[in-house]
Amino acid sequence: LTQMVLHCVAEFSPVLAVRKMAFVRKATNYNIEVFLKAPYKTQLSGNIHNLQQYILQNVEKYTGLMLDEVSITIDSIS
């Protein structure tokens, strides 16, 4: 699952770097929290929402796991 999320982020935007991930298993579904490092002057507002959807769709499509939430936090800007 970690490799899948790393691949999704790298494929979606090569300038973003994953710093940390957390997975929480609920009764039947998962929550994923992704912490990213972004370069200064990167357009984030629409792109982060699109990245959320991209991760959600690809993880559900290729693993069969159902996700309740994909939370993305920008914790560092370089």
N, C-alpha and C. Protein backbone atom coordinates (compact mmCIF):
# COMPACT_ATOMS: atom_id res chain seq x y z
N LEU A 1 0.83 -1.19 0.00
CA LEU A 1 0.00 0.00 0.00
C LEU A 1 0.88 1.26 0.00
N THR A 2 1.95 1.20 0.77
CA THR A 2 2.88 2.34 0.79
C THR A 2 3.47 2.59 -0.59
N GLN A 3 3.90 1.52 -1.24
CA GLN A 3 4.49 1.65 -2.58
C GLN A 3 3.48 2.20 -3.58
N MET A 4 2.24 1.80 -3.45
CA MET A 4 1.18 2.28 -4.34
C MET A 4 0.99 3.79 -4.18
N VAL A 5 0.95 4.28 -2.95
CA VAL A 5 0.77 5.71 -2.71
C VAL A 5 2.00 6.49 -3.19
N LEU A 6 3.20 5.97 -2.92
CA LEU A 6 4.42 6.62 -3.41
C LEU A 6 4.40 6.73 -4.93
N HIS A 7 4.00 5.67 -5.59
CA HIS A 7 3.94 5.66 -7.04
C HIS A 7 2.92 6.67 -7.55
N CYS A 8 1.76 6.73 -6.91
CA CYS A 8 0.72 7.69 -7.32
C CYS A 8 1.21 9.13 -7.22
N VAL A 9 1.87 9.46 -6.11
CA VAL A 9 2.37 10.82 -5.92
C VAL A 9 3.44 11.14 -6.96
N ALA A 10 4.38 10.21 -7.18
CA ALA A 10 5.46 10.44 -8.14
C ALA A 10 4.92 10.57 -9.56
N GLU A 11 3.92 9.78 -9.90
CA GLU A 11 3.34 9.82 -11.23
C GLU A 11 2.51 11.09 -11.44
N PHE A 12 1.80 11.52 -10.40
CA PHE A 12 0.93 12.69 -10.49
C PHE A 12 1.74 13.98 -10.57
N SER A 13 2.74 14.11 -9.70
CA SER A 13 3.55 15.33 -9.66
C SER A 13 4.96 15.00 -9.18
N PRO A 14 5.92 14.94 -10.09
CA PRO A 14 7.29 14.59 -9.71
C PRO A 14 7.96 15.59 -8.77
N VAL A 15 7.41 16.80 -8.64
CA VAL A 15 8.04 17.79 -7.77
C VAL A 15 7.66 17.62 -6.30
N LEU A 16 6.59 16.87 -6.02
CA LEU A 16 6.18 16.63 -4.64
C LEU A 16 6.93 15.42 -4.08
N ALA A 17 7.29 15.50 -2.81
CA ALA A 17 7.99 14.40 -2.15
C ALA A 17 7.20 13.96 -0.92
N VAL A 18 7.03 12.67 -0.76
CA VAL A 18 6.33 12.14 0.41
C VAL A 18 7.31 12.09 1.58
N ARG A 19 6.93 12.72 2.67
CA ARG A 19 7.76 12.72 3.88
C ARG A 19 7.34 11.63 4.85
N LYS A 20 6.02 11.39 4.93
CA LYS A 20 5.51 10.41 5.88
C LYS A 20 4.11 9.98 5.44
N MET A 21 3.74 8.75 5.82
CA MET A 21 2.39 8.26 5.56
C MET A 21 1.88 7.55 6.79
N ALA A 22 0.58 7.62 6.99
CA ALA A 22 -0.05 6.89 8.09
C ALA A 22 -1.30 6.21 7.54
N PHE A 23 -1.48 4.96 7.95
CA PHE A 23 -2.64 4.17 7.53
C PHE A 23 -3.42 3.77 8.76
N VAL A 24 -4.72 4.00 8.72
CA VAL A 24 -5.60 3.62 9.84
C VAL A 24 -6.67 2.70 9.27
N ARG A 25 -6.76 1.52 9.84
CA ARG A 25 -7.79 0.58 9.38
C ARG A 25 -9.03 0.73 10.25
N LYS A 26 -10.13 1.01 9.60
CA LYS A 26 -11.43 1.07 10.28
C LYS A 26 -12.04 -0.33 10.18
N ALA A 27 -13.31 -0.45 10.48
CA ALA A 27 -13.97 -1.77 10.46
C ALA A 27 -13.78 -2.47 9.11
N THR A 28 -14.12 -1.80 8.03
CA THR A 28 -14.00 -2.42 6.71
C THR A 28 -13.18 -1.60 5.73
N ASN A 29 -12.88 -0.37 6.07
CA ASN A 29 -12.19 0.54 5.15
C ASN A 29 -10.91 1.08 5.78
N TYR A 30 -10.18 1.86 5.00
CA TYR A 30 -8.93 2.46 5.45
C TYR A 30 -9.00 3.98 5.33
N ASN A 31 -8.22 4.66 6.16
CA ASN A 31 -7.93 6.08 6.02
C ASN A 31 -6.44 6.19 5.76
N ILE A 32 -6.06 7.06 4.84
CA ILE A 32 -4.65 7.29 4.53
C ILE A 32 -4.35 8.75 4.78
N GLU A 33 -3.27 9.01 5.49
CA GLU A 33 -2.79 10.37 5.69
C GLU A 33 -1.40 10.48 5.08
N VAL A 34 -1.23 11.45 4.19
CA VAL A 34 0.02 11.63 3.47
C VAL A 34 0.57 13.01 3.80
N PHE A 35 1.84 13.07 4.19
CA PHE A 35 2.52 14.33 4.48
C PHE A 35 3.52 14.58 3.36
N LEU A 36 3.41 15.76 2.73
CA LEU A 36 4.22 16.06 1.56
C LEU A 36 5.16 17.23 1.78
N LYS A 37 6.22 17.22 1.00
CA LYS A 37 7.14 18.35 0.90
C LYS A 37 6.97 18.91 -0.51
N ALA A 38 6.73 20.22 -0.60
CA ALA A 38 6.49 20.86 -1.90
C ALA A 38 7.50 21.97 -2.12
N PRO A 39 7.94 22.16 -3.35
CA PRO A 39 8.83 23.28 -3.65
C PRO A 39 8.09 24.61 -3.57
N TYR A 40 8.82 25.65 -3.26
CA TYR A 40 8.27 27.00 -3.21
C TYR A 40 7.70 27.36 -4.58
N LYS A 41 6.60 28.09 -4.60
CA LYS A 41 5.90 28.56 -5.80
C LYS A 41 5.19 27.44 -6.57
N THR A 42 4.93 26.33 -5.92
CA THR A 42 4.16 25.26 -6.56
C THR A 42 2.67 25.55 -6.40
N GLN A 43 1.91 25.43 -7.48
CA GLN A 43 0.46 25.60 -7.42
C GLN A 43 -0.12 24.43 -6.64
N LEU A 44 -0.73 24.70 -5.49
CA LEU A 44 -1.17 23.62 -4.62
C LEU A 44 -2.68 23.45 -4.55
N SER A 45 -3.45 24.53 -4.61
CA SER A 45 -4.87 24.46 -4.27
C SER A 45 -5.64 23.40 -5.06
N GLY A 46 -5.70 23.50 -6.34
CA GLY A 46 -6.44 22.51 -7.13
C GLY A 46 -5.70 21.20 -7.27
N ASN A 47 -4.37 21.29 -7.33
CA ASN A 47 -3.57 20.08 -7.54
C ASN A 47 -3.67 19.10 -6.38
N ILE A 48 -3.74 19.59 -5.16
CA ILE A 48 -3.81 18.69 -4.00
C ILE A 48 -5.15 17.95 -4.00
N HIS A 49 -6.22 18.64 -4.33
CA HIS A 49 -7.53 17.98 -4.40
C HIS A 49 -7.50 16.90 -5.49
N ASN A 50 -6.92 17.22 -6.64
CA ASN A 50 -6.82 16.23 -7.72
C ASN A 50 -5.94 15.05 -7.32
N LEU A 51 -4.87 15.32 -6.58
CA LEU A 51 -4.00 14.24 -6.10
C LEU A 51 -4.76 13.33 -5.14
N GLN A 52 -5.57 13.92 -4.28
CA GLN A 52 -6.40 13.12 -3.36
C GLN A 52 -7.27 12.14 -4.14
N GLN A 53 -7.95 12.64 -5.14
CA GLN A 53 -8.83 11.80 -5.95
C GLN A 53 -8.04 10.75 -6.71
N TYR A 54 -6.87 11.13 -7.21
CA TYR A 54 -6.02 10.20 -7.96
C TYR A 54 -5.57 9.03 -7.09
N ILE A 55 -5.13 9.33 -5.87
CA ILE A 55 -4.71 8.28 -4.94
C ILE A 55 -5.90 7.40 -4.60
N LEU A 56 -7.02 8.00 -4.25
CA LEU A 56 -8.22 7.25 -3.88
C LEU A 56 -8.65 6.30 -5.00
N GLN A 57 -8.75 6.81 -6.21
CA GLN A 57 -9.22 6.00 -7.33
C GLN A 57 -8.25 4.87 -7.66
N ASN A 58 -6.95 5.17 -7.68
CA ASN A 58 -5.97 4.14 -8.05
C ASN A 58 -5.82 3.07 -6.98
N VAL A 59 -5.82 3.44 -5.72
CA VAL A 59 -5.71 2.43 -4.66
C VAL A 59 -6.93 1.53 -4.68
N GLU A 60 -8.11 2.11 -4.80
CA GLU A 60 -9.33 1.28 -4.85
C GLU A 60 -9.36 0.40 -6.10
N LYS A 61 -8.92 0.95 -7.23
CA LYS A 61 -8.95 0.21 -8.49
C LYS A 61 -7.97 -0.96 -8.51
N TYR A 62 -6.73 -0.73 -8.07
CA TYR A 62 -5.69 -1.74 -8.22
C TYR A 62 -5.52 -2.66 -7.02
N THR A 63 -6.01 -2.27 -5.84
CA THR A 63 -5.86 -3.14 -4.67
C THR A 63 -7.18 -3.75 -4.24
N GLY A 64 -8.29 -3.13 -4.60
CA GLY A 64 -9.59 -3.61 -4.16
C GLY A 64 -9.94 -3.16 -2.75
N LEU A 65 -9.05 -2.43 -2.09
CA LEU A 65 -9.33 -1.90 -0.75
C LEU A 65 -10.19 -0.66 -0.87
N MET A 66 -11.16 -0.53 0.01
CA MET A 66 -12.02 0.64 0.00
C MET A 66 -11.46 1.67 0.98
N LEU A 67 -11.38 2.92 0.54
CA LEU A 67 -10.85 4.00 1.36
C LEU A 67 -11.98 4.92 1.78
N ASP A 68 -11.98 5.30 3.06
CA ASP A 68 -12.92 6.31 3.54
C ASP A 68 -12.38 7.70 3.28
N GLU A 69 -11.07 7.86 3.46
CA GLU A 69 -10.50 9.21 3.42
C GLU A 69 -9.04 9.15 3.00
N VAL A 70 -8.65 10.12 2.17
CA VAL A 70 -7.24 10.37 1.87
C VAL A 70 -6.99 11.80 2.30
N SER A 71 -6.19 11.96 3.33
CA SER A 71 -5.88 13.29 3.87
C SER A 71 -4.46 13.66 3.46
N ILE A 72 -4.30 14.85 2.88
CA ILE A 72 -2.98 15.30 2.44
C ILE A 72 -2.63 16.56 3.20
N THR A 73 -1.44 16.55 3.80
CA THR A 73 -0.92 17.70 4.55
C THR A 73 0.41 18.11 3.94
N ILE A 74 0.55 19.41 3.65
CA ILE A 74 1.84 19.94 3.21
C ILE A 74 2.57 20.34 4.49
N ASP A 75 3.57 19.58 4.88
CA ASP A 75 4.24 19.89 6.14
C ASP A 75 5.58 20.56 5.94
N SER A 76 5.98 20.74 4.67
CA SER A 76 7.25 21.40 4.42
C SER A 76 7.23 22.03 3.03
N ILE A 77 7.71 23.26 2.95
CA ILE A 77 7.88 23.94 1.67
C ILE A 77 9.34 24.33 1.57
N SER A 78 9.96 23.92 0.46
CA SER A 78 11.40 24.21 0.30
C SER A 78 11.63 25.21 -0.81
